[in-house]
Amino acid sequence: MSSIQHLNAVPPEQAEAELLTCCGSRKWARQVAAQRPFADTAELLDTADAVWWSLDREDWLEAFRSHPRIGERKAEAGQTAREKQWSEREQAGIADAADATRQALVEGNRAYEERFGHIYLVCAAGKSGDELLAILTRRLNNDPETEIRVAAEEQRRITHLRLAKLLSP
């Protein structure tokens, strides 16, 4: 049985729980699970995107809380072992960052949260600590409405990566 077949076949509650590891919005997971069966991964991704962009700000913020701050290991909303492992891999570029970069990220995270009211969310996979800091610094110049949409797009990208991992054998 392929992974998409597995996702299609499990009970709704299990599908929601598995999808929730990819995106921390309960409403998103519920709505995506309700649209099963999916013919293939492309249909799942299209559905995931359509549902994501139909959600409101509070649903987006719920999803953001399922991620640890860049450079940290623990999410505000808690994480499953799978989510924690994925986050650590996605943020692997921080491991080699200089102490000054790590400290600047801590300070930048704090400034970002004060300015925007939510964590700095970025698709960190494949990015170094210096790259993540440069992105953070640029995004601090955004107005709040622009930034919530930028962060939502980053969450969408993370969701795609995690759905691919979920469906990997």
N, C-alpha and C. Protein backbone atom coordinates (compact mmCIF):
# COMPACT_ATOMS: atom_id res chain seq x y z
N MET A 1 0.85 -1.18 0.00
CA MET A 1 0.00 0.00 0.00
C MET A 1 0.90 1.24 0.00
N SER A 2 0.66 2.17 -0.93
CA SER A 2 1.44 3.41 -0.97
C SER A 2 1.05 4.29 0.21
N SER A 3 1.86 5.27 0.49
CA SER A 3 1.59 6.17 1.61
C SER A 3 0.33 6.99 1.39
N ILE A 4 0.06 7.38 0.14
CA ILE A 4 -1.17 8.13 -0.13
C ILE A 4 -2.38 7.20 0.08
N GLN A 5 -2.23 5.95 -0.29
CA GLN A 5 -3.31 4.98 -0.04
C GLN A 5 -3.52 4.80 1.47
N HIS A 6 -2.43 4.75 2.19
CA HIS A 6 -2.52 4.63 3.66
C HIS A 6 -3.27 5.83 4.22
N LEU A 7 -2.88 7.04 3.82
CA LEU A 7 -3.54 8.24 4.31
C LEU A 7 -5.02 8.24 3.96
N ASN A 8 -5.35 7.76 2.78
CA ASN A 8 -6.75 7.67 2.36
C ASN A 8 -7.54 6.65 3.18
N ALA A 9 -6.87 5.60 3.64
CA ALA A 9 -7.57 4.46 4.26
C ALA A 9 -7.76 4.58 5.77
N VAL A 10 -6.92 5.34 6.44
CA VAL A 10 -7.01 5.39 7.90
C VAL A 10 -8.26 6.14 8.35
N PRO A 11 -8.72 5.88 9.57
CA PRO A 11 -9.89 6.61 10.10
C PRO A 11 -9.63 8.12 10.12
N PRO A 12 -10.68 8.92 10.07
CA PRO A 12 -10.51 10.38 10.02
C PRO A 12 -9.64 10.93 11.14
N GLU A 13 -9.81 10.43 12.36
CA GLU A 13 -9.03 10.94 13.49
C GLU A 13 -7.54 10.67 13.30
N GLN A 14 -7.21 9.51 12.76
CA GLN A 14 -5.80 9.19 12.52
C GLN A 14 -5.24 10.03 11.39
N ALA A 15 -6.02 10.23 10.34
CA ALA A 15 -5.58 11.08 9.24
C ALA A 15 -5.31 12.49 9.74
N GLU A 16 -6.22 13.01 10.56
CA GLU A 16 -6.04 14.36 11.12
C GLU A 16 -4.77 14.43 11.96
N ALA A 17 -4.54 13.42 12.78
CA ALA A 17 -3.36 13.41 13.65
C ALA A 17 -2.08 13.38 12.80
N GLU A 18 -2.07 12.57 11.75
CA GLU A 18 -0.88 12.50 10.90
C GLU A 18 -0.66 13.82 10.17
N LEU A 19 -1.75 14.41 9.66
CA LEU A 19 -1.64 15.69 8.95
C LEU A 19 -1.22 16.80 9.91
N LEU A 20 -1.66 16.73 11.15
CA LEU A 20 -1.32 17.75 12.14
C LEU A 20 0.18 17.81 12.39
N THR A 21 0.91 16.72 12.17
CA THR A 21 2.36 16.74 12.32
C THR A 21 3.02 17.54 11.19
N CYS A 22 2.29 17.77 10.12
CA CYS A 22 2.82 18.53 8.98
C CYS A 22 2.49 20.01 9.06
N CYS A 23 1.38 20.32 9.70
CA CYS A 23 0.92 21.70 9.87
C CYS A 23 0.11 21.75 11.16
N GLY A 24 0.49 22.62 12.08
CA GLY A 24 -0.10 22.63 13.42
C GLY A 24 -1.46 23.28 13.56
N SER A 25 -2.15 23.54 12.46
CA SER A 25 -3.51 24.07 12.54
C SER A 25 -4.50 22.91 12.56
N ARG A 26 -5.25 22.80 13.64
CA ARG A 26 -6.24 21.72 13.74
C ARG A 26 -7.31 21.84 12.66
N LYS A 27 -7.73 23.06 12.37
CA LYS A 27 -8.74 23.27 11.34
C LYS A 27 -8.21 22.82 9.97
N TRP A 28 -6.96 23.14 9.68
CA TRP A 28 -6.34 22.71 8.42
C TRP A 28 -6.34 21.19 8.34
N ALA A 29 -5.86 20.53 9.39
CA ALA A 29 -5.76 19.06 9.39
C ALA A 29 -7.14 18.43 9.21
N ARG A 30 -8.13 18.96 9.91
CA ARG A 30 -9.49 18.44 9.82
C ARG A 30 -10.05 18.61 8.40
N GLN A 31 -9.87 19.79 7.83
CA GLN A 31 -10.43 20.05 6.50
C GLN A 31 -9.71 19.26 5.40
N VAL A 32 -8.40 19.12 5.52
CA VAL A 32 -7.66 18.33 4.52
C VAL A 32 -8.08 16.86 4.64
N ALA A 33 -8.14 16.34 5.85
CA ALA A 33 -8.55 14.93 6.05
C ALA A 33 -9.95 14.69 5.49
N ALA A 34 -10.82 15.66 5.63
CA ALA A 34 -12.21 15.51 5.17
C ALA A 34 -12.31 15.43 3.64
N GLN A 35 -11.28 15.85 2.94
CA GLN A 35 -11.34 15.85 1.48
C GLN A 35 -10.72 14.59 0.87
N ARG A 36 -10.36 13.62 1.69
CA ARG A 36 -9.87 12.34 1.17
C ARG A 36 -10.99 11.63 0.45
N PRO A 37 -10.73 10.73 -0.46
CA PRO A 37 -9.42 10.22 -0.85
C PRO A 37 -8.73 11.13 -1.88
N PHE A 38 -7.41 11.07 -1.87
CA PHE A 38 -6.60 11.82 -2.83
C PHE A 38 -6.09 10.85 -3.89
N ALA A 39 -6.16 11.26 -5.14
CA ALA A 39 -5.69 10.41 -6.23
C ALA A 39 -4.18 10.24 -6.18
N ASP A 40 -3.49 11.29 -5.78
CA ASP A 40 -2.02 11.25 -5.76
C ASP A 40 -1.49 12.39 -4.87
N THR A 41 -0.19 12.45 -4.77
CA THR A 41 0.44 13.47 -3.94
C THR A 41 0.13 14.88 -4.44
N ALA A 42 0.12 15.07 -5.73
CA ALA A 42 -0.17 16.40 -6.29
C ALA A 42 -1.55 16.89 -5.85
N GLU A 43 -2.53 16.01 -5.85
CA GLU A 43 -3.87 16.40 -5.41
C GLU A 43 -3.87 16.75 -3.92
N LEU A 44 -3.13 15.98 -3.12
CA LEU A 44 -3.01 16.29 -1.69
C LEU A 44 -2.38 17.67 -1.49
N LEU A 45 -1.31 17.96 -2.21
CA LEU A 45 -0.63 19.26 -2.07
C LEU A 45 -1.54 20.40 -2.51
N ASP A 46 -2.26 20.22 -3.60
CA ASP A 46 -3.20 21.26 -4.05
C ASP A 46 -4.28 21.50 -3.01
N THR A 47 -4.80 20.42 -2.44
CA THR A 47 -5.82 20.54 -1.41
C THR A 47 -5.25 21.22 -0.17
N ALA A 48 -4.04 20.80 0.23
CA ALA A 48 -3.39 21.40 1.39
C ALA A 48 -3.25 22.91 1.21
N ASP A 49 -2.85 23.34 0.02
CA ASP A 49 -2.69 24.78 -0.25
C ASP A 49 -4.03 25.50 -0.24
N ALA A 50 -5.02 24.93 -0.89
CA ALA A 50 -6.34 25.57 -0.95
C ALA A 50 -6.92 25.75 0.45
N VAL A 51 -6.81 24.71 1.26
CA VAL A 51 -7.31 24.80 2.63
C VAL A 51 -6.50 25.83 3.41
N TRP A 52 -5.17 25.80 3.28
CA TRP A 52 -4.32 26.73 4.03
C TRP A 52 -4.70 28.18 3.75
N TRP A 53 -4.84 28.52 2.48
CA TRP A 53 -5.12 29.92 2.14
C TRP A 53 -6.56 30.32 2.45
N SER A 54 -7.42 29.36 2.76
CA SER A 54 -8.80 29.69 3.14
C SER A 54 -8.94 29.97 4.64
N LEU A 55 -7.90 29.66 5.40
CA LEU A 55 -7.95 29.82 6.85
C LEU A 55 -7.78 31.27 7.27
N ASP A 56 -8.12 31.56 8.51
CA ASP A 56 -7.94 32.92 9.00
C ASP A 56 -6.64 33.03 9.81
N ARG A 57 -6.35 34.23 10.21
CA ARG A 57 -5.12 34.55 10.92
C ARG A 57 -4.92 33.68 12.16
N GLU A 58 -5.98 33.46 12.94
CA GLU A 58 -5.85 32.66 14.17
C GLU A 58 -5.43 31.23 13.87
N ASP A 59 -5.93 30.66 12.77
CA ASP A 59 -5.52 29.31 12.38
C ASP A 59 -4.05 29.30 11.98
N TRP A 60 -3.61 30.33 11.29
CA TRP A 60 -2.20 30.44 10.91
C TRP A 60 -1.34 30.53 12.17
N LEU A 61 -1.75 31.38 13.12
CA LEU A 61 -0.98 31.54 14.34
C LEU A 61 -0.90 30.23 15.14
N GLU A 62 -1.99 29.47 15.12
CA GLU A 62 -1.96 28.16 15.78
C GLU A 62 -0.89 27.27 15.14
N ALA A 63 -0.82 27.28 13.82
CA ALA A 63 0.20 26.49 13.12
C ALA A 63 1.60 26.97 13.48
N PHE A 64 1.79 28.29 13.53
CA PHE A 64 3.11 28.84 13.84
C PHE A 64 3.58 28.38 15.22
N ARG A 65 2.65 28.28 16.18
CA ARG A 65 3.02 27.90 17.55
C ARG A 65 3.52 26.45 17.65
N SER A 66 3.32 25.67 16.61
CA SER A 66 3.78 24.28 16.64
C SER A 66 5.26 24.16 16.26
N HIS A 67 5.90 25.30 16.00
CA HIS A 67 7.32 25.31 15.63
C HIS A 67 8.16 25.93 16.74
N PRO A 68 9.36 25.40 16.95
CA PRO A 68 10.27 26.08 17.88
C PRO A 68 10.82 27.34 17.22
N ARG A 69 11.26 28.27 18.04
CA ARG A 69 11.94 29.44 17.50
C ARG A 69 13.19 28.96 16.76
N ILE A 70 13.61 29.73 15.77
CA ILE A 70 14.85 29.39 15.07
C ILE A 70 15.98 29.41 16.10
N GLY A 71 16.70 28.30 16.13
CA GLY A 71 17.80 28.15 17.08
C GLY A 71 17.41 27.49 18.39
N GLU A 72 16.12 27.20 18.58
CA GLU A 72 15.66 26.53 19.79
C GLU A 72 15.11 25.15 19.43
N ARG A 73 14.82 24.36 20.44
CA ARG A 73 14.38 22.99 20.22
C ARG A 73 12.93 22.73 20.60
N LYS A 74 12.31 23.63 21.36
CA LYS A 74 10.98 23.35 21.90
C LYS A 74 9.96 24.35 21.36
N ALA A 75 8.84 23.83 20.85
CA ALA A 75 7.77 24.69 20.36
C ALA A 75 6.85 25.11 21.50
N GLU A 76 6.24 26.27 21.36
CA GLU A 76 5.31 26.78 22.37
C GLU A 76 4.17 25.79 22.59
N ALA A 77 3.64 25.23 21.51
CA ALA A 77 2.48 24.34 21.60
C ALA A 77 2.87 22.89 21.84
N GLY A 78 4.14 22.60 21.99
CA GLY A 78 4.58 21.22 22.14
C GLY A 78 4.67 20.56 20.78
N GLN A 79 5.39 19.45 20.73
CA GLN A 79 5.61 18.75 19.47
C GLN A 79 5.62 17.25 19.71
N THR A 80 5.22 16.52 18.70
CA THR A 80 5.38 15.07 18.74
C THR A 80 6.85 14.77 18.50
N ALA A 81 7.25 13.54 18.76
CA ALA A 81 8.64 13.14 18.50
C ALA A 81 8.97 13.32 17.02
N ARG A 82 8.01 13.00 16.15
CA ARG A 82 8.22 13.16 14.71
C ARG A 82 8.45 14.63 14.36
N GLU A 83 7.61 15.51 14.89
CA GLU A 83 7.74 16.94 14.60
C GLU A 83 9.08 17.48 15.12
N LYS A 84 9.46 17.04 16.30
CA LYS A 84 10.73 17.50 16.88
C LYS A 84 11.90 17.07 16.01
N GLN A 85 11.87 15.83 15.55
CA GLN A 85 12.93 15.32 14.67
C GLN A 85 12.97 16.12 13.37
N TRP A 86 11.80 16.38 12.78
CA TRP A 86 11.75 17.15 11.54
C TRP A 86 12.29 18.55 11.76
N SER A 87 11.89 19.21 12.85
CA SER A 87 12.37 20.57 13.14
C SER A 87 13.88 20.60 13.29
N GLU A 88 14.42 19.62 14.00
CA GLU A 88 15.87 19.58 14.19
C GLU A 88 16.59 19.42 12.86
N ARG A 89 16.09 18.58 11.99
CA ARG A 89 16.70 18.42 10.67
C ARG A 89 16.56 19.70 9.84
N GLU A 90 15.39 20.30 9.91
CA GLU A 90 15.16 21.52 9.13
C GLU A 90 16.07 22.66 9.59
N GLN A 91 16.37 22.69 10.88
CA GLN A 91 17.21 23.75 11.43
C GLN A 91 18.67 23.32 11.58
N ALA A 92 19.07 22.29 10.88
CA ALA A 92 20.44 21.76 11.03
C ALA A 92 21.50 22.81 10.71
N GLY A 93 21.19 23.78 9.87
CA GLY A 93 22.15 24.82 9.52
C GLY A 93 22.58 25.69 10.68
N ILE A 94 21.79 25.68 11.75
CA ILE A 94 22.13 26.47 12.94
C ILE A 94 23.27 25.81 13.72
N ALA A 95 23.39 24.50 13.60
CA ALA A 95 24.36 23.76 14.40
C ALA A 95 25.78 24.29 14.25
N ASP A 96 26.13 24.74 13.05
CA ASP A 96 27.49 25.22 12.80
C ASP A 96 27.62 26.73 12.91
N ALA A 97 26.56 27.40 13.33
CA ALA A 97 26.59 28.86 13.41
C ALA A 97 27.52 29.34 14.52
N ALA A 98 28.15 30.45 14.27
CA ALA A 98 29.01 31.08 15.27
C ALA A 98 28.16 31.54 16.45
N ASP A 99 28.80 31.66 17.60
CA ASP A 99 28.09 32.12 18.80
C ASP A 99 27.44 33.48 18.57
N ALA A 100 28.11 34.36 17.86
CA ALA A 100 27.56 35.69 17.60
C ALA A 100 26.28 35.59 16.76
N THR A 101 26.25 34.67 15.82
CA THR A 101 25.05 34.47 15.00
C THR A 101 23.92 33.92 15.85
N ARG A 102 24.24 32.96 16.68
CA ARG A 102 23.22 32.38 17.58
C ARG A 102 22.63 33.46 18.50
N GLN A 103 23.49 34.29 19.06
CA GLN A 103 23.01 35.35 19.95
C GLN A 103 22.18 36.37 19.17
N ALA A 104 22.60 36.69 17.96
CA ALA A 104 21.84 37.64 17.14
C ALA A 104 20.47 37.06 16.78
N LEU A 105 20.40 35.76 16.58
CA LEU A 105 19.10 35.12 16.32
C LEU A 105 18.19 35.19 17.54
N VAL A 106 18.75 34.97 18.72
CA VAL A 106 17.95 35.08 19.95
C VAL A 106 17.39 36.50 20.07
N GLU A 107 18.24 37.49 19.87
CA GLU A 107 17.80 38.89 19.96
C GLU A 107 16.82 39.22 18.84
N GLY A 108 17.10 38.72 17.63
CA GLY A 108 16.20 38.96 16.50
C GLY A 108 14.84 38.31 16.69
N ASN A 109 14.84 37.10 17.23
CA ASN A 109 13.57 36.43 17.53
C ASN A 109 12.74 37.28 18.50
N ARG A 110 13.39 37.80 19.51
CA ARG A 110 12.71 38.62 20.51
C ARG A 110 12.13 39.89 19.86
N ALA A 111 12.94 40.56 19.05
CA ALA A 111 12.48 41.79 18.38
C ALA A 111 11.33 41.49 17.42
N TYR A 112 11.44 40.38 16.72
CA TYR A 112 10.40 39.98 15.77
C TYR A 112 9.08 39.75 16.50
N GLU A 113 9.13 38.99 17.58
CA GLU A 113 7.91 38.69 18.33
C GLU A 113 7.30 39.95 18.93
N GLU A 114 8.13 40.87 19.38
CA GLU A 114 7.60 42.14 19.91
C GLU A 114 6.92 42.94 18.80
N ARG A 115 7.50 42.91 17.61
CA ARG A 115 6.95 43.69 16.49
C ARG A 115 5.70 43.06 15.91
N PHE A 116 5.69 41.72 15.75
CA PHE A 116 4.62 41.07 15.01
C PHE A 116 3.68 40.22 15.86
N GLY A 117 4.06 39.88 17.08
CA GLY A 117 3.17 39.13 17.95
C GLY A 117 3.14 37.63 17.71
N HIS A 118 4.08 37.12 16.93
CA HIS A 118 4.21 35.68 16.69
C HIS A 118 5.66 35.36 16.38
N ILE A 119 6.00 34.07 16.41
CA ILE A 119 7.39 33.69 16.17
C ILE A 119 7.79 33.96 14.72
N TYR A 120 9.08 34.15 14.55
CA TYR A 120 9.69 34.26 13.23
C TYR A 120 9.66 32.87 12.62
N LEU A 121 8.89 32.72 11.57
CA LEU A 121 8.74 31.43 10.91
C LEU A 121 9.37 31.51 9.53
N VAL A 122 10.26 30.57 9.26
CA VAL A 122 10.94 30.52 7.98
C VAL A 122 11.19 29.06 7.64
N CYS A 123 11.11 28.73 6.38
CA CYS A 123 11.45 27.37 5.94
C CYS A 123 12.98 27.28 6.00
N ALA A 124 13.48 26.71 7.09
CA ALA A 124 14.91 26.75 7.40
C ALA A 124 15.72 25.68 6.69
N ALA A 125 15.06 24.70 6.08
CA ALA A 125 15.77 23.57 5.47
C ALA A 125 16.80 24.07 4.46
N GLY A 126 18.04 23.62 4.65
CA GLY A 126 19.11 23.95 3.73
C GLY A 126 19.72 25.33 3.92
N LYS A 127 19.31 26.07 4.94
CA LYS A 127 19.83 27.42 5.16
C LYS A 127 20.78 27.44 6.36
N SER A 128 21.82 28.23 6.24
CA SER A 128 22.77 28.39 7.34
C SER A 128 22.22 29.37 8.37
N GLY A 129 22.86 29.40 9.52
CA GLY A 129 22.49 30.35 10.55
C GLY A 129 22.59 31.78 10.05
N ASP A 130 23.65 32.09 9.30
CA ASP A 130 23.82 33.44 8.77
C ASP A 130 22.71 33.79 7.78
N GLU A 131 22.31 32.83 6.95
CA GLU A 131 21.21 33.08 6.01
C GLU A 131 19.91 33.35 6.76
N LEU A 132 19.64 32.54 7.79
CA LEU A 132 18.41 32.71 8.56
C LEU A 132 18.39 34.06 9.28
N LEU A 133 19.54 34.49 9.76
CA LEU A 133 19.64 35.79 10.41
C LEU A 133 19.42 36.92 9.40
N ALA A 134 19.97 36.79 8.21
CA ALA A 134 19.80 37.83 7.18
C ALA A 134 18.32 37.94 6.78
N ILE A 135 17.65 36.80 6.64
CA ILE A 135 16.22 36.80 6.30
C ILE A 135 15.43 37.47 7.41
N LEU A 136 15.73 37.12 8.65
CA LEU A 136 15.06 37.71 9.80
C LEU A 136 15.23 39.24 9.81
N THR A 137 16.45 39.68 9.59
CA THR A 137 16.74 41.11 9.60
C THR A 137 15.94 41.84 8.52
N ARG A 138 15.88 41.27 7.33
CA ARG A 138 15.08 41.88 6.24
C ARG A 138 13.60 41.92 6.60
N ARG A 139 13.10 40.82 7.13
CA ARG A 139 11.67 40.73 7.41
C ARG A 139 11.22 41.64 8.55
N LEU A 140 12.12 42.02 9.40
CA LEU A 140 11.77 42.98 10.45
C LEU A 140 11.32 44.32 9.87
N ASN A 141 11.66 44.58 8.62
CA ASN A 141 11.25 45.82 7.96
C ASN A 141 9.84 45.75 7.38
N ASN A 142 9.25 44.57 7.33
CA ASN A 142 7.90 44.44 6.78
C ASN A 142 6.87 45.07 7.71
N ASP A 143 5.75 45.48 7.13
CA ASP A 143 4.62 45.91 7.95
C ASP A 143 3.90 44.63 8.42
N PRO A 144 3.11 44.70 9.49
CA PRO A 144 2.49 43.49 10.04
C PRO A 144 1.62 42.71 9.04
N GLU A 145 0.88 43.37 8.20
CA GLU A 145 0.02 42.66 7.25
C GLU A 145 0.84 41.91 6.20
N THR A 146 1.90 42.54 5.73
CA THR A 146 2.78 41.86 4.78
C THR A 146 3.44 40.67 5.46
N GLU A 147 3.91 40.88 6.69
CA GLU A 147 4.66 39.84 7.37
C GLU A 147 3.82 38.61 7.70
N ILE A 148 2.56 38.78 8.07
CA ILE A 148 1.74 37.60 8.37
C ILE A 148 1.59 36.74 7.12
N ARG A 149 1.49 37.37 5.96
CA ARG A 149 1.37 36.62 4.71
C ARG A 149 2.69 35.95 4.33
N VAL A 150 3.81 36.64 4.60
CA VAL A 150 5.12 36.04 4.34
C VAL A 150 5.31 34.81 5.24
N ALA A 151 4.97 34.96 6.52
CA ALA A 151 5.10 33.84 7.44
C ALA A 151 4.16 32.69 7.04
N ALA A 152 2.96 33.03 6.59
CA ALA A 152 2.01 32.00 6.14
C ALA A 152 2.57 31.24 4.93
N GLU A 153 3.22 31.95 4.02
CA GLU A 153 3.84 31.29 2.87
C GLU A 153 4.98 30.38 3.31
N GLU A 154 5.75 30.81 4.30
CA GLU A 154 6.81 29.96 4.83
C GLU A 154 6.22 28.69 5.46
N GLN A 155 5.11 28.84 6.19
CA GLN A 155 4.44 27.67 6.76
C GLN A 155 3.97 26.74 5.66
N ARG A 156 3.43 27.29 4.57
CA ARG A 156 2.97 26.47 3.45
C ARG A 156 4.14 25.66 2.89
N ARG A 157 5.30 26.29 2.76
CA ARG A 157 6.48 25.59 2.23
C ARG A 157 6.92 24.48 3.19
N ILE A 158 6.92 24.76 4.48
CA ILE A 158 7.27 23.76 5.49
C ILE A 158 6.28 22.59 5.42
N THR A 159 5.01 22.91 5.27
CA THR A 159 3.98 21.87 5.18
C THR A 159 4.24 20.96 3.99
N HIS A 160 4.61 21.52 2.86
CA HIS A 160 4.93 20.69 1.69
C HIS A 160 6.09 19.74 1.98
N LEU A 161 7.15 20.27 2.62
CA LEU A 161 8.29 19.41 2.96
C LEU A 161 7.86 18.28 3.88
N ARG A 162 7.04 18.62 4.84
CA ARG A 162 6.63 17.61 5.83
C ARG A 162 5.63 16.62 5.24
N LEU A 163 4.77 17.05 4.35
CA LEU A 163 3.88 16.09 3.69
C LEU A 163 4.69 15.10 2.86
N ALA A 164 5.74 15.58 2.21
CA ALA A 164 6.62 14.67 1.45
C ALA A 164 7.26 13.66 2.40
N LYS A 165 7.68 14.11 3.58
CA LYS A 165 8.27 13.20 4.56
C LYS A 165 7.24 12.21 5.07
N LEU A 166 6.03 12.71 5.32
CA LEU A 166 4.95 11.84 5.81
C LEU A 166 4.66 10.72 4.81
N LEU A 167 4.70 11.06 3.53
CA LEU A 167 4.35 10.09 2.50
C LEU A 167 5.53 9.25 2.05
N SER A 168 6.74 9.53 2.56
CA SER A 168 7.92 8.73 2.20
C SER A 168 7.82 7.37 2.87
N PRO A 169 8.26 6.34 2.12
CA PRO A 169 8.21 5.00 2.72
C PRO A 169 9.18 4.85 3.88
